[in-house]
Amino acid sequence: MNHAKPLPAYLRQRYHGWKATTYAENKAWYLKLADGQHPRAMVISCCDSRVHATSIFGAEQGEFFIHRNVANLVPPYEPDGEPHGTSAAVEYAVTALKVAHLIVLGHSSCGGVRGCHDMCSGAAPELEEKSSFVGRWMDILREGYGRVADIKEEETRIKALEHQAVIVSLENLMTFPFVKAAVEDNSLSLHGLWTDIGEGSLNQYDPDTGGFAPV
């Protein structure tokens, strides 16, 4: 049985408002977009509703190829014949769209990262269950937790783990042969960013120092 229901009234109203204003005023641009996409960059960001990559960079529709998942993670390359949503998005962006830049965007107060922290520290045994989709996804970040586990202050440790979510993802991206090849021939550059939602700040990962500095 299909349980889908009509859109809530407020969403219908917003759509009709957009169609009558933004779309009507830019119809030629939308018709051009319909012919195909040519984004210069891919952004891998968190599902968190507060993270909005296009707003941060003032980007227009068609500029970014965006993939969102819990805690902005990239798993390692696993060509096992099973479905892999994030890996499929990376493959398409790099091999078909041939984006020039691939950005991993982490953020403050990430619920997924906190879940990983609690799971790895023994405070969330429910996430250890095989049936937990969130827990098994956050297994990708276990190595990152091991790198920050000795930090005494909890909030500092969690912030460091948010940074690790970006770093681990960058490391895993380089396990994809087509990503590695594109990076090595200088047709693709990888970037790690972390944004503080409340402050509106943006920090960039520096592989030379292993830390994050303001953009």
N, C-alpha and C. Protein backbone atom coordinates (compact mmCIF):
# COMPACT_ATOMS: atom_id res chain seq x y z
N MET A 1 0.83 -1.20 0.00
CA MET A 1 0.00 0.00 0.00
C MET A 1 0.87 1.25 0.00
N ASN A 2 0.53 2.21 -0.84
CA ASN A 2 1.27 3.46 -0.91
C ASN A 2 0.69 4.45 0.09
N HIS A 3 1.53 4.95 0.98
CA HIS A 3 1.06 5.84 2.05
C HIS A 3 1.39 7.32 1.78
N ALA A 4 1.79 7.63 0.56
CA ALA A 4 2.13 9.02 0.24
C ALA A 4 0.89 9.91 0.32
N LYS A 5 1.06 11.11 0.85
CA LYS A 5 -0.03 12.07 1.01
C LYS A 5 0.30 13.37 0.29
N PRO A 6 -0.69 14.21 0.04
CA PRO A 6 -0.44 15.50 -0.61
C PRO A 6 0.50 16.37 0.22
N LEU A 7 1.21 17.26 -0.45
CA LEU A 7 2.10 18.19 0.24
C LEU A 7 1.34 19.03 1.26
N PRO A 8 1.98 19.40 2.37
CA PRO A 8 1.35 20.33 3.30
C PRO A 8 1.04 21.64 2.59
N ALA A 9 0.01 22.32 3.05
CA ALA A 9 -0.44 23.55 2.40
C ALA A 9 0.66 24.61 2.32
N TYR A 10 1.48 24.73 3.38
CA TYR A 10 2.49 25.79 3.37
C TYR A 10 3.55 25.55 2.29
N LEU A 11 3.84 24.28 2.00
CA LEU A 11 4.80 23.99 0.94
C LEU A 11 4.21 24.24 -0.44
N ARG A 12 2.95 23.92 -0.60
CA ARG A 12 2.29 24.22 -1.88
C ARG A 12 2.27 25.73 -2.13
N GLN A 13 1.98 26.49 -1.08
CA GLN A 13 1.93 27.94 -1.22
C GLN A 13 3.30 28.51 -1.56
N ARG A 14 4.34 27.96 -0.92
CA ARG A 14 5.69 28.43 -1.22
C ARG A 14 6.08 28.11 -2.66
N TYR A 15 5.69 26.92 -3.12
CA TYR A 15 6.01 26.57 -4.51
C TYR A 15 5.35 27.55 -5.48
N HIS A 16 4.07 27.79 -5.31
CA HIS A 16 3.36 28.68 -6.23
C HIS A 16 3.93 30.10 -6.17
N GLY A 17 4.38 30.52 -4.99
CA GLY A 17 5.01 31.82 -4.88
C GLY A 17 6.32 31.87 -5.65
N TRP A 18 7.12 30.79 -5.55
CA TRP A 18 8.39 30.71 -6.28
C TRP A 18 8.15 30.70 -7.79
N LYS A 19 7.16 29.92 -8.23
CA LYS A 19 6.90 29.80 -9.66
C LYS A 19 6.45 31.14 -10.24
N ALA A 20 5.70 31.91 -9.46
CA ALA A 20 5.17 33.19 -9.95
C ALA A 20 6.20 34.31 -9.90
N THR A 21 7.25 34.15 -9.10
CA THR A 21 8.22 35.23 -8.96
C THR A 21 9.60 34.81 -9.47
N THR A 22 10.32 34.05 -8.67
CA THR A 22 11.71 33.68 -9.01
C THR A 22 11.80 32.98 -10.37
N TYR A 23 10.94 31.99 -10.58
CA TYR A 23 11.00 31.27 -11.86
C TYR A 23 10.58 32.18 -13.02
N ALA A 24 9.48 32.88 -12.85
CA ALA A 24 8.97 33.73 -13.93
C ALA A 24 9.98 34.79 -14.34
N GLU A 25 10.72 35.32 -13.36
CA GLU A 25 11.68 36.38 -13.65
C GLU A 25 12.99 35.84 -14.24
N ASN A 26 13.21 34.54 -14.12
CA ASN A 26 14.48 33.94 -14.59
C ASN A 26 14.23 32.72 -15.48
N LYS A 27 13.13 32.74 -16.21
CA LYS A 27 12.74 31.57 -16.99
C LYS A 27 13.80 31.16 -18.00
N ALA A 28 14.45 32.11 -18.64
CA ALA A 28 15.48 31.79 -19.63
C ALA A 28 16.63 31.02 -18.99
N TRP A 29 16.98 31.39 -17.77
CA TRP A 29 18.06 30.71 -17.05
C TRP A 29 17.67 29.28 -16.72
N TYR A 30 16.46 29.07 -16.27
CA TYR A 30 16.01 27.72 -15.95
C TYR A 30 15.93 26.84 -17.20
N LEU A 31 15.53 27.42 -18.32
CA LEU A 31 15.48 26.66 -19.57
C LEU A 31 16.89 26.26 -20.00
N LYS A 32 17.86 27.13 -19.74
CA LYS A 32 19.26 26.79 -20.04
C LYS A 32 19.75 25.67 -19.14
N LEU A 33 19.39 25.74 -17.85
CA LEU A 33 19.78 24.68 -16.92
C LEU A 33 19.20 23.33 -17.33
N ALA A 34 18.02 23.36 -17.90
CA ALA A 34 17.36 22.11 -18.29
C ALA A 34 18.13 21.36 -19.38
N ASP A 35 19.00 22.06 -20.11
CA ASP A 35 19.78 21.42 -21.17
C ASP A 35 20.92 20.57 -20.63
N GLY A 36 21.30 20.76 -19.37
CA GLY A 36 22.39 19.97 -18.79
C GLY A 36 23.12 20.75 -17.72
N GLN A 37 23.81 20.02 -16.84
CA GLN A 37 24.53 20.67 -15.76
C GLN A 37 26.03 20.63 -16.01
N HIS A 38 26.69 21.71 -15.56
CA HIS A 38 28.14 21.82 -15.71
C HIS A 38 28.73 22.44 -14.44
N PRO A 39 28.54 21.78 -13.30
CA PRO A 39 29.05 22.35 -12.05
C PRO A 39 30.57 22.32 -12.00
N ARG A 40 31.15 23.34 -11.38
CA ARG A 40 32.60 23.39 -11.24
C ARG A 40 33.07 22.62 -10.01
N ALA A 41 32.16 22.42 -9.06
CA ALA A 41 32.57 21.81 -7.80
C ALA A 41 31.50 20.84 -7.28
N MET A 42 31.96 19.84 -6.55
CA MET A 42 31.07 18.96 -5.80
C MET A 42 31.23 19.31 -4.32
N VAL A 43 30.13 19.35 -3.60
CA VAL A 43 30.16 19.58 -2.16
C VAL A 43 29.53 18.38 -1.46
N ILE A 44 30.27 17.80 -0.54
CA ILE A 44 29.73 16.73 0.31
C ILE A 44 29.50 17.34 1.68
N SER A 45 28.24 17.48 2.06
CA SER A 45 27.92 18.12 3.33
C SER A 45 26.95 17.25 4.12
N CYS A 46 26.66 17.70 5.33
CA CYS A 46 25.79 16.95 6.23
C CYS A 46 24.32 17.16 5.86
N CYS A 47 23.49 16.19 6.24
CA CYS A 47 22.04 16.32 6.04
C CYS A 47 21.43 17.41 6.93
N ASP A 48 22.17 17.82 7.94
CA ASP A 48 21.67 18.80 8.91
C ASP A 48 21.00 19.98 8.20
N SER A 49 19.79 20.31 8.63
CA SER A 49 19.02 21.37 7.97
C SER A 49 19.65 22.75 8.10
N ARG A 50 20.59 22.90 9.04
CA ARG A 50 21.22 24.20 9.25
C ARG A 50 22.42 24.44 8.34
N VAL A 51 22.85 23.39 7.64
CA VAL A 51 24.00 23.50 6.75
C VAL A 51 23.51 23.79 5.34
N HIS A 52 23.95 24.92 4.78
CA HIS A 52 23.44 25.35 3.48
C HIS A 52 24.60 25.86 2.64
N ALA A 53 25.24 24.95 1.92
CA ALA A 53 26.45 25.29 1.18
C ALA A 53 26.22 26.40 0.16
N THR A 54 25.08 26.38 -0.52
CA THR A 54 24.85 27.40 -1.53
C THR A 54 24.74 28.79 -0.91
N SER A 55 24.18 28.88 0.30
CA SER A 55 24.09 30.18 0.97
C SER A 55 25.47 30.66 1.41
N ILE A 56 26.28 29.76 1.96
CA ILE A 56 27.60 30.13 2.46
C ILE A 56 28.44 30.75 1.35
N PHE A 57 28.34 30.18 0.14
CA PHE A 57 29.17 30.65 -0.97
C PHE A 57 28.41 31.54 -1.95
N GLY A 58 27.17 31.86 -1.64
CA GLY A 58 26.38 32.70 -2.52
C GLY A 58 26.23 32.09 -3.90
N ALA A 59 26.08 30.77 -3.94
CA ALA A 59 26.05 30.05 -5.22
C ALA A 59 24.66 30.06 -5.84
N GLU A 60 24.64 30.04 -7.15
CA GLU A 60 23.39 29.96 -7.89
C GLU A 60 23.08 28.51 -8.24
N GLN A 61 21.84 28.27 -8.60
CA GLN A 61 21.43 26.94 -9.04
C GLN A 61 22.29 26.51 -10.23
N GLY A 62 22.81 25.30 -10.18
CA GLY A 62 23.64 24.79 -11.26
C GLY A 62 25.13 24.89 -11.00
N GLU A 63 25.54 25.59 -9.93
CA GLU A 63 26.97 25.77 -9.66
C GLU A 63 27.60 24.59 -8.93
N PHE A 64 26.84 23.99 -7.98
CA PHE A 64 27.39 22.92 -7.15
C PHE A 64 26.65 21.61 -7.41
N PHE A 65 27.41 20.52 -7.48
CA PHE A 65 26.85 19.18 -7.44
C PHE A 65 26.93 18.78 -5.97
N ILE A 66 25.78 18.65 -5.31
CA ILE A 66 25.77 18.49 -3.85
C ILE A 66 25.28 17.10 -3.45
N HIS A 67 26.05 16.49 -2.54
CA HIS A 67 25.63 15.23 -1.94
C HIS A 67 25.62 15.42 -0.43
N ARG A 68 24.50 15.05 0.19
CA ARG A 68 24.38 15.21 1.64
C ARG A 68 24.17 13.85 2.29
N ASN A 69 24.85 13.64 3.40
CA ASN A 69 24.62 12.43 4.19
C ASN A 69 24.89 12.75 5.66
N VAL A 70 24.65 11.82 6.54
CA VAL A 70 24.86 12.04 7.97
C VAL A 70 26.35 12.25 8.25
N ALA A 71 26.68 13.41 8.77
CA ALA A 71 28.04 13.77 9.20
C ALA A 71 29.02 13.94 8.05
N ASN A 72 28.51 14.22 6.85
CA ASN A 72 29.36 14.52 5.69
C ASN A 72 30.53 13.55 5.52
N LEU A 73 30.22 12.26 5.60
CA LEU A 73 31.27 11.24 5.53
C LEU A 73 31.40 10.63 4.14
N VAL A 74 32.62 10.26 3.80
CA VAL A 74 32.90 9.48 2.60
C VAL A 74 33.46 8.15 3.05
N PRO A 75 32.86 7.04 2.66
CA PRO A 75 33.39 5.73 3.03
C PRO A 75 34.60 5.40 2.17
N PRO A 76 35.39 4.42 2.57
CA PRO A 76 36.49 4.01 1.70
C PRO A 76 35.97 3.32 0.44
N TYR A 77 36.80 3.25 -0.56
CA TYR A 77 36.47 2.61 -1.83
C TYR A 77 36.21 1.12 -1.60
N GLU A 78 34.99 0.67 -1.91
CA GLU A 78 34.61 -0.73 -1.73
C GLU A 78 33.82 -1.22 -2.94
N PRO A 79 34.49 -1.69 -3.99
CA PRO A 79 33.79 -2.17 -5.18
C PRO A 79 33.28 -3.59 -4.98
N ASP A 80 32.30 -3.75 -4.08
CA ASP A 80 31.82 -5.07 -3.69
C ASP A 80 30.51 -5.46 -4.36
N GLY A 81 30.04 -4.66 -5.31
CA GLY A 81 28.80 -4.99 -6.00
C GLY A 81 27.55 -4.61 -5.23
N GLU A 82 27.70 -3.99 -4.06
CA GLU A 82 26.56 -3.56 -3.26
C GLU A 82 26.25 -2.09 -3.56
N PRO A 83 25.03 -1.62 -3.22
CA PRO A 83 24.69 -0.21 -3.45
C PRO A 83 25.45 0.72 -2.50
N HIS A 84 26.03 1.78 -3.05
CA HIS A 84 26.79 2.75 -2.26
C HIS A 84 26.43 4.15 -2.75
N GLY A 85 25.54 4.83 -2.05
CA GLY A 85 25.05 6.13 -2.50
C GLY A 85 26.11 7.20 -2.59
N THR A 86 26.90 7.36 -1.52
CA THR A 86 27.92 8.40 -1.53
C THR A 86 28.99 8.11 -2.57
N SER A 87 29.42 6.87 -2.65
CA SER A 87 30.44 6.49 -3.62
C SER A 87 29.94 6.70 -5.04
N ALA A 88 28.66 6.42 -5.28
CA ALA A 88 28.08 6.64 -6.61
C ALA A 88 28.09 8.12 -6.96
N ALA A 89 27.78 8.97 -5.99
CA ALA A 89 27.77 10.42 -6.24
C ALA A 89 29.18 10.92 -6.56
N VAL A 90 30.17 10.42 -5.82
CA VAL A 90 31.56 10.81 -6.07
C VAL A 90 31.99 10.34 -7.45
N GLU A 91 31.67 9.10 -7.79
CA GLU A 91 32.04 8.56 -9.10
C GLU A 91 31.44 9.42 -10.22
N TYR A 92 30.17 9.75 -10.11
CA TYR A 92 29.51 10.53 -11.15
C TYR A 92 30.11 11.92 -11.27
N ALA A 93 30.36 12.55 -10.13
CA ALA A 93 30.92 13.91 -10.15
C ALA A 93 32.29 13.95 -10.81
N VAL A 94 33.12 12.96 -10.49
CA VAL A 94 34.51 12.98 -10.96
C VAL A 94 34.64 12.45 -12.38
N THR A 95 33.96 11.34 -12.68
CA THR A 95 34.17 10.71 -13.99
C THR A 95 33.24 11.21 -15.07
N ALA A 96 32.02 11.63 -14.71
CA ALA A 96 31.06 12.09 -15.72
C ALA A 96 31.00 13.61 -15.81
N LEU A 97 30.83 14.27 -14.65
CA LEU A 97 30.74 15.73 -14.65
C LEU A 97 32.12 16.39 -14.70
N LYS A 98 33.13 15.63 -14.27
CA LYS A 98 34.52 16.13 -14.27
C LYS A 98 34.65 17.46 -13.53
N VAL A 99 34.13 17.48 -12.31
CA VAL A 99 34.25 18.68 -11.48
C VAL A 99 35.72 18.98 -11.21
N ALA A 100 36.03 20.25 -11.05
CA ALA A 100 37.40 20.67 -10.80
C ALA A 100 37.76 20.66 -9.32
N HIS A 101 36.74 20.76 -8.47
CA HIS A 101 36.97 20.84 -7.03
C HIS A 101 35.99 19.92 -6.31
N LEU A 102 36.48 19.27 -5.27
CA LEU A 102 35.63 18.42 -4.44
C LEU A 102 35.82 18.87 -2.99
N ILE A 103 34.73 19.37 -2.42
CA ILE A 103 34.76 19.97 -1.08
C ILE A 103 34.01 19.09 -0.08
N VAL A 104 34.66 18.77 1.04
CA VAL A 104 33.99 18.12 2.17
C VAL A 104 33.73 19.21 3.21
N LEU A 105 32.46 19.43 3.52
CA LEU A 105 32.07 20.53 4.42
C LEU A 105 31.50 19.98 5.72
N GLY A 106 32.28 20.10 6.80
CA GLY A 106 31.80 19.71 8.12
C GLY A 106 31.20 20.91 8.85
N HIS A 107 30.65 20.67 10.04
CA HIS A 107 30.01 21.79 10.75
C HIS A 107 29.96 21.55 12.25
N SER A 108 29.68 22.62 12.98
CA SER A 108 29.55 22.57 14.43
C SER A 108 28.24 21.91 14.84
N SER A 109 28.21 21.40 16.06
CA SER A 109 27.00 20.81 16.65
C SER A 109 26.41 19.71 15.77
N CYS A 110 27.27 18.87 15.21
CA CYS A 110 26.81 17.80 14.32
C CYS A 110 26.28 16.63 15.13
N GLY A 111 25.02 16.32 14.95
CA GLY A 111 24.40 15.22 15.70
C GLY A 111 25.00 13.87 15.36
N GLY A 112 25.36 13.66 14.10
CA GLY A 112 25.96 12.40 13.71
C GLY A 112 27.31 12.18 14.35
N VAL A 113 28.11 13.23 14.37
CA VAL A 113 29.43 13.13 15.00
C VAL A 113 29.29 12.89 16.50
N ARG A 114 28.35 13.59 17.13
CA ARG A 114 28.12 13.35 18.57
C ARG A 114 27.68 11.91 18.80
N GLY A 115 26.85 11.39 17.90
CA GLY A 115 26.44 9.99 18.02
C GLY A 115 27.62 9.05 17.95
N CYS A 116 28.55 9.33 17.03
CA CYS A 116 29.76 8.52 16.92
C CYS A 116 30.58 8.60 18.20
N HIS A 117 30.70 9.81 18.73
CA HIS A 117 31.43 10.01 19.98
C HIS A 117 30.80 9.19 21.10
N ASP A 118 29.48 9.28 21.24
CA ASP A 118 28.80 8.56 22.31
C ASP A 118 28.89 7.05 22.12
N MET A 119 28.76 6.59 20.87
CA MET A 119 28.86 5.17 20.59
C MET A 119 30.26 4.64 20.94
N CYS A 120 31.28 5.34 20.49
CA CYS A 120 32.65 4.88 20.69
C CYS A 120 33.09 4.98 22.14
N SER A 121 32.46 5.90 22.91
CA SER A 121 32.82 6.05 24.32
C SER A 121 31.96 5.17 25.22
N GLY A 122 31.02 4.41 24.64
CA GLY A 122 30.19 3.49 25.42
C GLY A 122 28.91 4.09 25.95
N ALA A 123 28.61 5.33 25.57
CA ALA A 123 27.43 6.01 26.10
C ALA A 123 26.18 5.78 25.26
N ALA A 124 26.32 5.14 24.11
CA ALA A 124 25.15 4.90 23.23
C ALA A 124 25.19 3.48 22.70
N PRO A 125 24.95 2.49 23.57
CA PRO A 125 25.03 1.09 23.14
C PRO A 125 24.03 0.74 22.05
N GLU A 126 22.94 1.50 21.95
CA GLU A 126 21.94 1.21 20.91
C GLU A 126 22.52 1.41 19.50
N LEU A 127 23.52 2.28 19.40
CA LEU A 127 24.14 2.51 18.10
C LEU A 127 25.10 1.39 17.70
N GLU A 128 25.44 0.55 18.68
CA GLU A 128 26.30 -0.60 18.38
C GLU A 128 25.50 -1.75 17.77
N GLU A 129 24.17 -1.67 17.85
CA GLU A 129 23.35 -2.74 17.31
C GLU A 129 23.51 -2.83 15.80
N LYS A 130 23.52 -4.06 15.31
CA LYS A 130 23.67 -4.28 13.87
C LYS A 130 22.54 -3.62 13.09
N SER A 131 21.38 -3.48 13.72
CA SER A 131 20.20 -2.91 13.07
C SER A 131 20.23 -1.39 12.99
N SER A 132 21.23 -0.74 13.61
CA SER A 132 21.29 0.72 13.61
C SER A 132 21.98 1.21 12.34
N PHE A 133 21.21 1.82 11.46
CA PHE A 133 21.79 2.38 10.24
C PHE A 133 22.77 3.51 10.57
N VAL A 134 22.39 4.35 11.55
CA VAL A 134 23.26 5.45 11.94
C VAL A 134 24.57 4.91 12.52
N GLY A 135 24.47 3.94 13.38
CA GLY A 135 25.67 3.38 14.00
C GLY A 135 26.62 2.78 12.99
N ARG A 136 26.07 2.01 12.04
CA ARG A 136 26.95 1.37 11.06
C ARG A 136 27.55 2.41 10.11
N TRP A 137 26.81 3.48 9.84
CA TRP A 137 27.37 4.55 9.01
C TRP A 137 28.49 5.26 9.76
N MET A 138 28.28 5.49 11.06
CA MET A 138 29.28 6.20 11.85
C MET A 138 30.52 5.36 12.13
N ASP A 139 30.46 4.06 11.83
CA ASP A 139 31.67 3.24 11.93
C ASP A 139 32.79 3.80 11.06
N ILE A 140 32.42 4.51 10.01
CA ILE A 140 33.42 5.13 9.13
C ILE A 140 34.32 6.07 9.92
N LEU A 141 33.78 6.65 11.00
CA LEU A 141 34.51 7.65 11.78
C LEU A 141 35.20 7.08 13.01
N ARG A 142 35.12 5.78 13.22
CA ARG A 142 35.75 5.19 14.41
C ARG A 142 37.24 5.50 14.49
N GLU A 143 37.92 5.42 13.36
CA GLU A 143 39.35 5.71 13.34
C GLU A 143 39.61 7.14 13.80
N GLY A 144 38.75 8.06 13.36
CA GLY A 144 38.89 9.45 13.77
C GLY A 144 38.69 9.61 15.27
N TYR A 145 37.75 8.86 15.84
CA TYR A 145 37.55 8.93 17.30
C TYR A 145 38.82 8.49 18.03
N GLY A 146 39.47 7.46 17.51
CA GLY A 146 40.69 6.99 18.15
C GLY A 146 41.77 8.06 18.19
N ARG A 147 41.74 8.97 17.24
CA ARG A 147 42.75 10.03 17.18
C ARG A 147 42.51 11.14 18.19
N VAL A 148 41.27 11.27 18.66
CA VAL A 148 40.94 12.38 19.56
C VAL A 148 40.49 11.91 20.94
N ALA A 149 40.46 10.61 21.16
CA ALA A 149 39.90 10.06 22.40
C ALA A 149 40.61 10.54 23.65
N ASP A 150 41.87 10.93 23.54
CA ASP A 150 42.63 11.35 24.71
C ASP A 150 42.39 12.80 25.11
N ILE A 151 41.63 13.55 24.32
CA ILE A 151 41.33 14.94 24.67
C ILE A 151 40.38 14.94 25.87
N LYS A 152 40.75 15.60 26.94
CA LYS A 152 40.01 15.50 28.20
C LYS A 152 38.66 16.18 28.18
N GLU A 153 38.59 17.41 27.69
CA GLU A 153 37.34 18.17 27.74
C GLU A 153 36.40 17.69 26.64
N GLU A 154 35.18 17.30 27.02
CA GLU A 154 34.29 16.63 26.08
C GLU A 154 33.94 17.47 24.86
N GLU A 155 33.54 18.72 25.06
CA GLU A 155 33.14 19.54 23.92
C GLU A 155 34.32 19.81 22.98
N THR A 156 35.51 19.95 23.54
CA THR A 156 36.71 20.12 22.70
C THR A 156 36.96 18.84 21.91
N ARG A 157 36.74 17.71 22.56
CA ARG A 157 36.94 16.41 21.90
C ARG A 157 35.93 16.22 20.76
N ILE A 158 34.68 16.63 20.99
CA ILE A 158 33.66 16.47 19.95
C ILE A 158 33.95 17.40 18.78
N LYS A 159 34.39 18.62 19.06
CA LYS A 159 34.75 19.52 17.97
C LYS A 159 35.91 18.95 17.16
N ALA A 160 36.88 18.35 17.84
CA ALA A 160 38.01 17.72 17.15
C ALA A 160 37.52 16.55 16.30
N LEU A 161 36.49 15.85 16.78
CA LEU A 161 35.95 14.74 16.01
C LEU A 161 35.18 15.24 14.78
N GLU A 162 34.55 16.41 14.90
CA GLU A 162 33.92 17.02 13.72
C GLU A 162 34.97 17.32 12.66
N HIS A 163 36.13 17.79 13.10
CA HIS A 163 37.24 18.01 12.18
C HIS A 163 37.69 16.68 11.57
N GLN A 164 37.74 15.65 12.39
CA GLN A 164 38.16 14.33 11.89
C GLN A 164 37.19 13.79 10.84
N ALA A 165 35.91 14.13 10.95
CA ALA A 165 34.94 13.68 9.95
C ALA A 165 35.33 14.21 8.58
N VAL A 166 35.88 15.41 8.54
CA VAL A 166 36.36 15.99 7.28
C VAL A 166 37.65 15.31 6.84
N ILE A 167 38.58 15.15 7.78
CA ILE A 167 39.90 14.58 7.45
C ILE A 167 39.78 13.14 7.00
N VAL A 168 39.02 12.33 7.72
CA VAL A 168 38.83 10.93 7.35
C VAL A 168 38.20 10.82 5.97
N SER A 169 37.24 11.70 5.68
CA SER A 169 36.59 11.69 4.37
C SER A 169 37.58 12.02 3.26
N LEU A 170 38.45 13.01 3.50
CA LEU A 170 39.47 13.35 2.52
C LEU A 170 40.42 12.17 2.29
N GLU A 171 40.78 11.50 3.37
CA GLU A 171 41.65 10.33 3.25
C GLU A 171 40.97 9.23 2.46
N ASN A 172 39.69 9.00 2.75
CA ASN A 172 38.96 7.94 2.05
C ASN A 172 38.76 8.27 0.57
N LEU A 173 38.59 9.55 0.26
CA LEU A 173 38.45 9.93 -1.14
C LEU A 173 39.65 9.49 -1.96
N MET A 174 40.82 9.54 -1.37
CA MET A 174 42.03 9.17 -2.10
C MET A 174 42.18 7.66 -2.29
N THR A 175 41.26 6.87 -1.69
CA THR A 175 41.28 5.43 -1.94
C THR A 175 40.51 5.08 -3.21
N PHE A 176 39.77 6.05 -3.77
CA PHE A 176 39.06 5.84 -5.03
C PHE A 176 40.05 6.04 -6.18
N PRO A 177 40.29 5.02 -6.99
CA PRO A 177 41.30 5.15 -8.05
C PRO A 177 41.08 6.34 -8.97
N PHE A 178 39.82 6.60 -9.33
CA PHE A 178 39.56 7.71 -10.26
C PHE A 178 39.74 9.07 -9.60
N VAL A 179 39.53 9.15 -8.28
CA VAL A 179 39.81 10.40 -7.56
C VAL A 179 41.32 10.60 -7.47
N LYS A 180 42.03 9.57 -7.08
CA LYS A 180 43.49 9.64 -6.95
C LYS A 180 44.13 10.05 -8.28
N ALA A 181 43.67 9.44 -9.37
CA ALA A 181 44.22 9.75 -10.68
C ALA A 181 43.97 11.21 -11.06
N ALA A 182 42.75 11.69 -10.80
CA ALA A 182 42.40 13.07 -11.14
C ALA A 182 43.18 14.07 -10.29
N VAL A 183 43.41 13.75 -9.02
CA VAL A 183 44.20 14.63 -8.15
C VAL A 183 45.64 14.67 -8.64
N GLU A 184 46.18 13.51 -8.99
CA GLU A 184 47.58 13.44 -9.38
C GLU A 184 47.86 14.10 -10.73
N ASP A 185 46.84 14.16 -11.61
CA ASP A 185 47.06 14.86 -12.88
C ASP A 185 46.57 16.31 -12.84
N ASN A 186 46.27 16.77 -11.61
CA ASN A 186 45.88 18.17 -11.36
C ASN A 186 44.58 18.61 -12.04
N SER A 187 43.72 17.66 -12.37
CA SER A 187 42.42 18.03 -12.91
C SER A 187 41.36 18.12 -11.81
N LEU A 188 41.72 17.72 -10.59
CA LEU A 188 40.80 17.76 -9.45
C LEU A 188 41.57 18.17 -8.21
N SER A 189 40.98 19.06 -7.41
CA SER A 189 41.57 19.42 -6.12
C SER A 189 40.58 19.11 -5.01
N LEU A 190 41.09 18.62 -3.90
CA LEU A 190 40.26 18.29 -2.74
C LEU A 190 40.39 19.39 -1.69
N HIS A 191 39.28 19.68 -1.01
CA HIS A 191 39.26 20.74 -0.01
C HIS A 191 38.46 20.28 1.20
N GLY A 192 38.98 20.55 2.40
CA GLY A 192 38.27 20.23 3.63
C GLY A 192 37.90 21.49 4.37
N LEU A 193 36.61 21.67 4.66
CA LEU A 193 36.13 22.86 5.34
C LEU A 193 35.29 22.48 6.56
N TRP A 194 35.25 23.38 7.53
CA TRP A 194 34.38 23.21 8.70
C TRP A 194 33.80 24.57 9.03
N THR A 195 32.48 24.62 9.20
CA THR A 195 31.82 25.89 9.49
C THR A 195 31.17 25.88 10.88
N ASP A 196 31.33 26.99 11.58
CA ASP A 196 30.65 27.17 12.86
C ASP A 196 29.33 27.84 12.56
N ILE A 197 28.23 27.15 12.80
CA ILE A 197 26.91 27.64 12.42
C ILE A 197 26.56 28.95 13.14
N GLY A 198 26.81 29.00 14.42
CA GLY A 198 26.46 30.19 15.19
C GLY A 198 27.30 31.40 14.86
N GLU A 199 28.59 31.18 14.62
CA GLU A 199 29.52 32.28 14.35
C GLU A 199 29.53 32.67 12.87
N GLY A 200 29.10 31.77 12.01
CA GLY A 200 29.16 32.05 10.58
C GLY A 200 30.58 31.99 10.04
N SER A 201 31.48 31.37 10.79
CA SER A 201 32.89 31.30 10.36
C SER A 201 33.12 30.06 9.51
N LEU A 202 34.17 30.12 8.70
CA LEU A 202 34.52 29.01 7.83
C LEU A 202 36.02 28.76 7.96
N ASN A 203 36.38 27.52 8.30
CA ASN A 203 37.79 27.15 8.47
C ASN A 203 38.18 26.09 7.45
N GLN A 204 39.42 26.15 7.00
CA GLN A 204 39.91 25.24 5.98
C GLN A 204 41.00 24.35 6.55
N TYR A 205 40.96 23.07 6.17
CA TYR A 205 41.96 22.11 6.62
C TYR A 205 43.28 22.36 5.91
N ASP A 206 44.36 22.38 6.70
CA ASP A 206 45.71 22.54 6.16
C ASP A 206 46.46 21.23 6.40
N PRO A 207 46.71 20.46 5.36
CA PRO A 207 47.40 19.17 5.54
C PRO A 207 48.81 19.31 6.06
N ASP A 208 49.44 20.47 5.87
CA ASP A 208 50.80 20.67 6.35
C ASP A 208 50.86 20.76 7.86
N THR A 209 49.83 21.37 8.46
CA THR A 209 49.80 21.51 9.92
C THR A 209 48.88 20.49 10.58
N GLY A 210 47.97 19.90 9.80
CA GLY A 210 47.01 18.97 10.36
C GLY A 210 45.88 19.65 11.09
N GLY A 211 45.79 20.98 10.98
CA GLY A 211 44.75 21.72 11.67
C GLY A 211 43.87 22.50 10.70
N PHE A 212 42.95 23.28 11.29
CA PHE A 212 42.01 24.10 10.51
C PHE A 212 42.29 25.57 10.82
N ALA A 213 42.28 26.39 9.77
CA ALA A 213 42.53 27.82 9.92
C ALA A 213 41.44 28.59 9.18
N PRO A 214 41.14 29.83 9.62
CA PRO A 214 40.10 30.63 8.97
C PRO A 214 40.38 30.83 7.49
N VAL A 215 39.30 30.78 6.70
CA VAL A 215 39.42 31.04 5.26
C VAL A 215 39.66 32.52 5.03
